[in-house]
Amino acid sequence: MTTGRISFETISKAARMHIPIAASMQAVTSTAVEFAEAWGITTVGYLREQQMVIHSHPERLGIR
């Protein structure tokens, strides 16, 4: 979880550390989404109390 945007660098670090979900209160860059899809990482942006935008691999969160 981060308060800043999720970039390629963030997804790259998550992949190296085998972290399956990266979430942020801000945006997810298009490059980060592209690599997250390829590397099997779920990305969540604009995470708020009752809403979120899931960009990749929503099935991990039980969403189809």
PDB file of N, CA and C in Angstrom:
ATOM      1  N   MET A   1       0.847  -1.171   0.000  1.00  0.00           N
ATOM      2  CA  MET A   1       0.000   0.000   0.000  1.00  0.00           C
ATOM      3  C   MET A   1       0.889   1.230   0.000  1.00  0.00           C
ATOM      4  N   THR A   2       0.537   2.180  -0.845  1.00  0.00           N
ATOM      5  CA  THR A   2       1.282   3.424  -0.922  1.00  0.00           C
ATOM      6  C   THR A   2       0.317   4.600  -1.094  1.00  0.00           C
ATOM      7  N   THR A   3       0.777   5.767  -0.751  1.00  0.00           N
ATOM      8  CA  THR A   3      -0.050   6.955  -0.945  1.00  0.00           C
ATOM      9  C   THR A   3       0.267   7.630  -2.277  1.00  0.00           C
ATOM     10  N   GLY A   4       1.389   7.257  -2.891  1.00  0.00           N
ATOM     11  CA  GLY A   4       1.778   7.818  -4.182  1.00  0.00           C
ATOM     12  C   GLY A   4       1.326   6.937  -5.327  1.00  0.00           C
ATOM     13  N   ARG A   5       1.586   7.378  -6.547  1.00  0.00           N
ATOM     14  CA  ARG A   5       1.176   6.582  -7.702  1.00  0.00           C
ATOM     15  C   ARG A   5       2.005   5.310  -7.801  1.00  0.00           C
ATOM     16  N   ILE A   6       1.446   4.310  -8.445  1.00  0.00           N
ATOM     17  CA  ILE A   6       2.159   3.053  -8.677  1.00  0.00           C
ATOM     18  C   ILE A   6       2.781   3.134 -10.064  1.00  0.00           C
ATOM     19  N   SER A   7       4.087   3.071 -10.095  1.00  0.00           N
ATOM     20  CA  SER A   7       4.829   3.165 -11.348  1.00  0.00           C
ATOM     21  C   SER A   7       5.437   1.812 -11.709  1.00  0.00           C
ATOM     22  N   PHE A   8       6.088   1.769 -12.858  1.00  0.00           N
ATOM     23  CA  PHE A   8       6.797   0.559 -13.267  1.00  0.00           C
ATOM     24  C   PHE A   8       7.797   0.145 -12.198  1.00  0.00           C
ATOM     25  N   GLU A   9       8.498   1.104 -11.626  1.00  0.00           N
ATOM     26  CA  GLU A   9       9.503   0.799 -10.608  1.00  0.00           C
ATOM     27  C   GLU A   9       8.882   0.121  -9.396  1.00  0.00           C
ATOM     28  N   THR A  10       7.718   0.578  -8.992  1.00  0.00           N
ATOM     29  CA  THR A  10       7.012  -0.031  -7.863  1.00  0.00           C
ATOM     30  C   THR A  10       6.627  -1.473  -8.173  1.00  0.00           C
ATOM     31  N   ILE A  11       6.094  -1.695  -9.375  1.00  0.00           N
ATOM     32  CA  ILE A  11       5.698  -3.049  -9.781  1.00  0.00           C
ATOM     33  C   ILE A  11       6.922  -3.947  -9.908  1.00  0.00           C
ATOM     34  N   SER A  12       8.007  -3.404 -10.411  1.00  0.00           N
ATOM     35  CA  SER A  12       9.244  -4.176 -10.529  1.00  0.00           C
ATOM     36  C   SER A  12       9.732  -4.634  -9.153  1.00  0.00           C
ATOM     37  N   LYS A  13       9.697  -3.744  -8.175  1.00  0.00           N
ATOM     38  CA  LYS A  13      10.092  -4.110  -6.809  1.00  0.00           C
ATOM     39  C   LYS A  13       9.145  -5.150  -6.220  1.00  0.00           C
ATOM     40  N   ALA A  14       7.843  -4.975  -6.456  1.00  0.00           N
ATOM     41  CA  ALA A  14       6.861  -5.947  -5.956  1.00  0.00           C
ATOM     42  C   ALA A  14       7.124  -7.328  -6.551  1.00  0.00           C
ATOM     43  N   ALA A  15       7.445  -7.363  -7.833  1.00  0.00           N
ATOM     44  CA  ALA A  15       7.731  -8.648  -8.499  1.00  0.00           C
ATOM     45  C   ALA A  15       8.964  -9.314  -7.887  1.00  0.00           C
ATOM     46  N   ARG A  16      10.009  -8.541  -7.658  1.00  0.00           N
ATOM     47  CA  ARG A  16      11.234  -9.105  -7.072  1.00  0.00           C
ATOM     48  C   ARG A  16      11.000  -9.628  -5.654  1.00  0.00           C
ATOM     49  N   MET A  17      10.076  -8.995  -4.933  1.00  0.00           N
ATOM     50  CA  MET A  17       9.789  -9.385  -3.557  1.00  0.00           C
ATOM     51  C   MET A  17       8.623 -10.373  -3.461  1.00  0.00           C
ATOM     52  N   HIS A  18       8.081 -10.796  -4.623  1.00  0.00           N
ATOM     53  CA  HIS A  18       6.966 -11.742  -4.692  1.00  0.00           C
ATOM     54  C   HIS A  18       5.726 -11.224  -3.961  1.00  0.00           C
ATOM     55  N   ILE A  19       5.449  -9.927  -4.093  1.00  0.00           N
ATOM     56  CA  ILE A  19       4.266  -9.317  -3.502  1.00  0.00           C
ATOM     57  C   ILE A  19       3.138  -9.394  -4.535  1.00  0.00           C
ATOM     58  N   PRO A  20       2.027 -10.036  -4.225  1.00  0.00           N
ATOM     59  CA  PRO A  20       0.991 -10.277  -5.233  1.00  0.00           C
ATOM     60  C   PRO A  20       0.034  -9.112  -5.486  1.00  0.00           C
ATOM     61  N   ILE A  21      -0.049  -8.156  -4.554  1.00  0.00           N
ATOM     62  CA  ILE A  21      -1.000  -7.048  -4.701  1.00  0.00           C
ATOM     63  C   ILE A  21      -0.294  -5.730  -4.385  1.00  0.00           C
ATOM     64  N   ALA A  22      -0.470  -4.763  -5.283  1.00  0.00           N
ATOM     65  CA  ALA A  22       0.048  -3.411  -5.057  1.00  0.00           C
ATOM     66  C   ALA A  22      -1.141  -2.464  -5.094  1.00  0.00           C
ATOM     67  N   ALA A  23      -1.329  -1.694  -4.036  1.00  0.00           N
ATOM     68  CA  ALA A  23      -2.475  -0.785  -3.948  1.00  0.00           C
ATOM     69  C   ALA A  23      -2.002   0.617  -3.614  1.00  0.00           C
ATOM     70  N   SER A  24      -2.765   1.596  -4.105  1.00  0.00           N
ATOM     71  CA  SER A  24      -2.421   2.985  -3.875  1.00  0.00           C
ATOM     72  C   SER A  24      -3.671   3.841  -3.739  1.00  0.00           C
ATOM     73  N   MET A  25      -3.513   4.948  -3.051  1.00  0.00           N
ATOM     74  CA  MET A  25      -4.586   5.927  -2.959  1.00  0.00           C
ATOM     75  C   MET A  25      -4.597   6.811  -4.208  1.00  0.00           C
ATOM     76  N   GLN A  26      -3.575   6.700  -5.037  1.00  0.00           N
ATOM     77  CA  GLN A  26      -3.439   7.502  -6.249  1.00  0.00           C
ATOM     78  C   GLN A  26      -3.527   6.613  -7.487  1.00  0.00           C
ATOM     79  N   ALA A  27      -3.066   7.128  -8.599  1.00  0.00           N
ATOM     80  CA  ALA A  27      -3.166   6.445  -9.893  1.00  0.00           C
ATOM     81  C   ALA A  27      -2.146   5.315 -10.050  1.00  0.00           C
ATOM     82  N   VAL A  28      -2.409   4.479 -11.040  1.00  0.00           N
ATOM     83  CA  VAL A  28      -1.482   3.443 -11.477  1.00  0.00           C
ATOM     84  C   VAL A  28      -1.117   3.792 -12.915  1.00  0.00           C
ATOM     85  N   THR A  29       0.172   3.856 -13.219  1.00  0.00           N
ATOM     86  CA  THR A  29       0.559   4.220 -14.583  1.00  0.00           C
ATOM     87  C   THR A  29       0.240   3.091 -15.558  1.00  0.00           C
ATOM     88  N   SER A  30       0.067   3.443 -16.823  1.00  0.00           N
ATOM     89  CA  SER A  30      -0.263   2.436 -17.834  1.00  0.00           C
ATOM     90  C   SER A  30       0.861   1.422 -18.003  1.00  0.00           C
ATOM     91  N   THR A  31       2.101   1.859 -17.876  1.00  0.00           N
ATOM     92  CA  THR A  31       3.232   0.931 -17.964  1.00  0.00           C
ATOM     93  C   THR A  31       3.216  -0.042 -16.795  1.00  0.00           C
ATOM     94  N   ALA A  32       2.876   0.451 -15.611  1.00  0.00           N
ATOM     95  CA  ALA A  32       2.792  -0.422 -14.435  1.00  0.00           C
ATOM     96  C   ALA A  32       1.710  -1.477 -14.626  1.00  0.00           C
ATOM     97  N   VAL A  33       0.573  -1.082 -15.185  1.00  0.00           N
ATOM     98  CA  VAL A  33      -0.517  -2.034 -15.434  1.00  0.00           C
ATOM     99  C   VAL A  33      -0.068  -3.096 -16.434  1.00  0.00           C
ATOM    100  N   GLU A  34       0.605  -2.669 -17.482  1.00  0.00           N
ATOM    101  CA  GLU A  34       1.076  -3.604 -18.517  1.00  0.00           C
ATOM    102  C   GLU A  34       1.993  -4.674 -17.918  1.00  0.00           C
ATOM    103  N   PHE A  35       2.959  -4.255 -17.117  1.00  0.00           N
ATOM    104  CA  PHE A  35       3.886  -5.219 -16.530  1.00  0.00           C
ATOM    105  C   PHE A  35       3.227  -6.029 -15.415  1.00  0.00           C
ATOM    106  N   ALA A  36       2.326  -5.426 -14.667  1.00  0.00           N
ATOM    107  CA  ALA A  36       1.605  -6.162 -13.628  1.00  0.00           C
ATOM    108  C   ALA A  36       0.795  -7.296 -14.247  1.00  0.00           C
ATOM    109  N   GLU A  37       0.153  -7.026 -15.376  1.00  0.00           N
ATOM    110  CA  GLU A  37      -0.581  -8.079 -16.097  1.00  0.00           C
ATOM    111  C   GLU A  37       0.357  -9.224 -16.461  1.00  0.00           C
ATOM    112  N   ALA A  38       1.495  -8.890 -17.020  1.00  0.00           N
ATOM    113  CA  ALA A  38       2.455  -9.910 -17.469  1.00  0.00           C
ATOM    114  C   ALA A  38       3.056 -10.686 -16.303  1.00  0.00           C
ATOM    115  N   TRP A  39       3.259 -10.031 -15.180  1.00  0.00           N
ATOM    116  CA  TRP A  39       3.924 -10.655 -14.035  1.00  0.00           C
ATOM    117  C   TRP A  39       2.955 -11.210 -12.999  1.00  0.00           C
ATOM    118  N   GLY A  40       1.659 -11.118 -13.244  1.00  0.00           N
ATOM    119  CA  GLY A  40       0.670 -11.709 -12.335  1.00  0.00           C
ATOM    120  C   GLY A  40       0.433 -10.936 -11.053  1.00  0.00           C
ATOM    121  N   ILE A  41       0.620  -9.628 -11.093  1.00  0.00           N
ATOM    122  CA  ILE A  41       0.423  -8.794  -9.905  1.00  0.00           C
ATOM    123  C   ILE A  41      -0.903  -8.047 -10.033  1.00  0.00           C
ATOM    124  N   THR A  42      -1.685  -8.045  -8.971  1.00  0.00           N
ATOM    125  CA  THR A  42      -2.926  -7.283  -8.932  1.00  0.00           C
ATOM    126  C   THR A  42      -2.588  -5.839  -8.584  1.00  0.00           C
ATOM    127  N   THR A  43      -3.097  -4.906  -9.390  1.00  0.00           N
ATOM    128  CA  THR A  43      -2.883  -3.491  -9.090  1.00  0.00           C
ATOM    129  C   THR A  43      -4.217  -2.819  -8.799  1.00  0.00           C
ATOM    130  N   VAL A  44      -4.224  -2.016  -7.741  1.00  0.00           N
ATOM    131  CA  VAL A  44      -5.417  -1.300  -7.318  1.00  0.00           C
ATOM    132  C   VAL A  44      -5.041   0.171  -7.169  1.00  0.00           C
ATOM    133  N   GLY A  45      -5.817   1.026  -7.815  1.00  0.00           N
ATOM    134  CA  GLY A  45      -5.584   2.460  -7.710  1.00  0.00           C
ATOM    135  C   GLY A  45      -6.798   3.168  -7.141  1.00  0.00           C
ATOM    136  N   TYR A  46      -6.602   4.399  -6.748  1.00  0.00           N
ATOM    137  CA  TYR A  46      -7.667   5.236  -6.199  1.00  0.00           C
ATOM    138  C   TYR A  46      -8.433   4.519  -5.081  1.00  0.00           C
ATOM    139  N   LEU A  47      -7.697   3.874  -4.203  1.00  0.00           N
ATOM    140  CA  LEU A  47      -8.294   3.129  -3.099  1.00  0.00           C
ATOM    141  C   LEU A  47      -8.834   4.100  -2.050  1.00  0.00           C
ATOM    142  N   ARG A  48     -10.132   4.011  -1.811  1.00  0.00           N
ATOM    143  CA  ARG A  48     -10.814   4.848  -0.824  1.00  0.00           C
ATOM    144  C   ARG A  48     -11.630   3.938   0.081  1.00  0.00           C
ATOM    145  N   GLU A  49     -12.352   4.505   1.005  1.00  0.00           N
ATOM    146  CA  GLU A  49     -13.111   3.706   1.957  1.00  0.00           C
ATOM    147  C   GLU A  49     -14.061   2.721   1.283  1.00  0.00           C
ATOM    148  N   GLN A  50     -14.851   3.172   0.347  1.00  0.00           N
ATOM    149  CA  GLN A  50     -15.867   2.319  -0.275  1.00  0.00           C
ATOM    150  C   GLN A  50     -15.672   2.122  -1.775  1.00  0.00           C
ATOM    151  N   GLN A  51     -14.513   2.489  -2.316  1.00  0.00           N
ATOM    152  CA  GLN A  51     -14.321   2.316  -3.752  1.00  0.00           C
ATOM    153  C   GLN A  51     -12.853   2.091  -4.090  1.00  0.00           C
ATOM    154  N   MET A  52     -12.624   1.535  -5.258  1.00  0.00           N
ATOM    155  CA  MET A  52     -11.284   1.305  -5.764  1.00  0.00           C
ATOM    156  C   MET A  52     -11.380   0.989  -7.247  1.00  0.00           C
ATOM    157  N   VAL A  53     -10.262   1.150  -7.927  1.00  0.00           N
ATOM    158  CA  VAL A  53     -10.179   0.796  -9.342  1.00  0.00           C
ATOM    159  C   VAL A  53      -9.155  -0.325  -9.461  1.00  0.00           C
ATOM    160  N   ILE A  54      -9.606  -1.492  -9.899  1.00  0.00           N
ATOM    161  CA  ILE A  54      -8.712  -2.639 -10.055  1.00  0.00           C
ATOM    162  C   ILE A  54      -8.260  -2.670 -11.499  1.00  0.00           C
ATOM    163  N   HIS A  55      -6.951  -2.617 -11.709  1.00  0.00           N
ATOM    164  CA  HIS A  55      -6.404  -2.526 -13.061  1.00  0.00           C
ATOM    165  C   HIS A  55      -5.953  -3.870 -13.632  1.00  0.00           C
ATOM    166  N   SER A  56      -5.544  -4.787 -12.802  1.00  0.00           N
ATOM    167  CA  SER A  56      -5.052  -6.070 -13.306  1.00  0.00           C
ATOM    168  C   SER A  56      -5.362  -7.185 -12.312  1.00  0.00           C
ATOM    169  N   HIS A  57      -5.630  -8.350 -12.835  1.00  0.00           N
ATOM    170  CA  HIS A  57      -5.876  -9.574 -12.065  1.00  0.00           C
ATOM    171  C   HIS A  57      -6.919  -9.405 -10.946  1.00  0.00           C
ATOM    172  N   PRO A  58      -8.135  -8.964 -11.293  1.00  0.00           N
ATOM    173  CA  PRO A  58      -9.186  -8.778 -10.282  1.00  0.00           C
ATOM    174  C   PRO A  58      -9.629 -10.088  -9.632  1.00  0.00           C
ATOM    175  N   GLU A  59      -9.375 -11.201 -10.287  1.00  0.00           N
ATOM    176  CA  GLU A  59      -9.791 -12.494  -9.736  1.00  0.00           C
ATOM    177  C   GLU A  59      -9.134 -12.779  -8.388  1.00  0.00           C
ATOM    178  N   ARG A  60      -7.969 -12.203  -8.150  1.00  0.00           N
ATOM    179  CA  ARG A  60      -7.282 -12.405  -6.880  1.00  0.00           C
ATOM    180  C   ARG A  60      -8.094 -11.814  -5.728  1.00  0.00           C
ATOM    181  N   LEU A  61      -8.920 -10.816  -6.026  1.00  0.00           N
ATOM    182  CA  LEU A  61      -9.743 -10.170  -5.012  1.00  0.00           C
ATOM    183  C   LEU A  61     -11.169 -10.701  -5.029  1.00  0.00           C
ATOM    184  N   GLY A  62     -11.405 -11.774  -5.777  1.00  0.00           N
ATOM    185  CA  GLY A  62     -12.730 -12.381  -5.847  1.00  0.00           C
ATOM    186  C   GLY A  62     -13.677 -11.646  -6.777  1.00  0.00           C
ATOM    187  N   ILE A  63     -13.124 -10.837  -7.684  1.00  0.00           N
ATOM    188  CA  ILE A  63     -13.927 -10.058  -8.625  1.00  0.00           C
ATOM    189  C   ILE A  63     -13.641 -10.557 -10.031  1.00  0.00           C
ATOM    190  N   ARG A  64     -14.692 -10.681 -10.812  1.00  0.00           N
ATOM    191  CA  ARG A  64     -14.495 -11.156 -12.192  1.00  0.00           C
ATOM    192  C   ARG A  64     -14.680 -10.049 -13.166  1.00  0.00           C
TER     193      ARG A  64
END
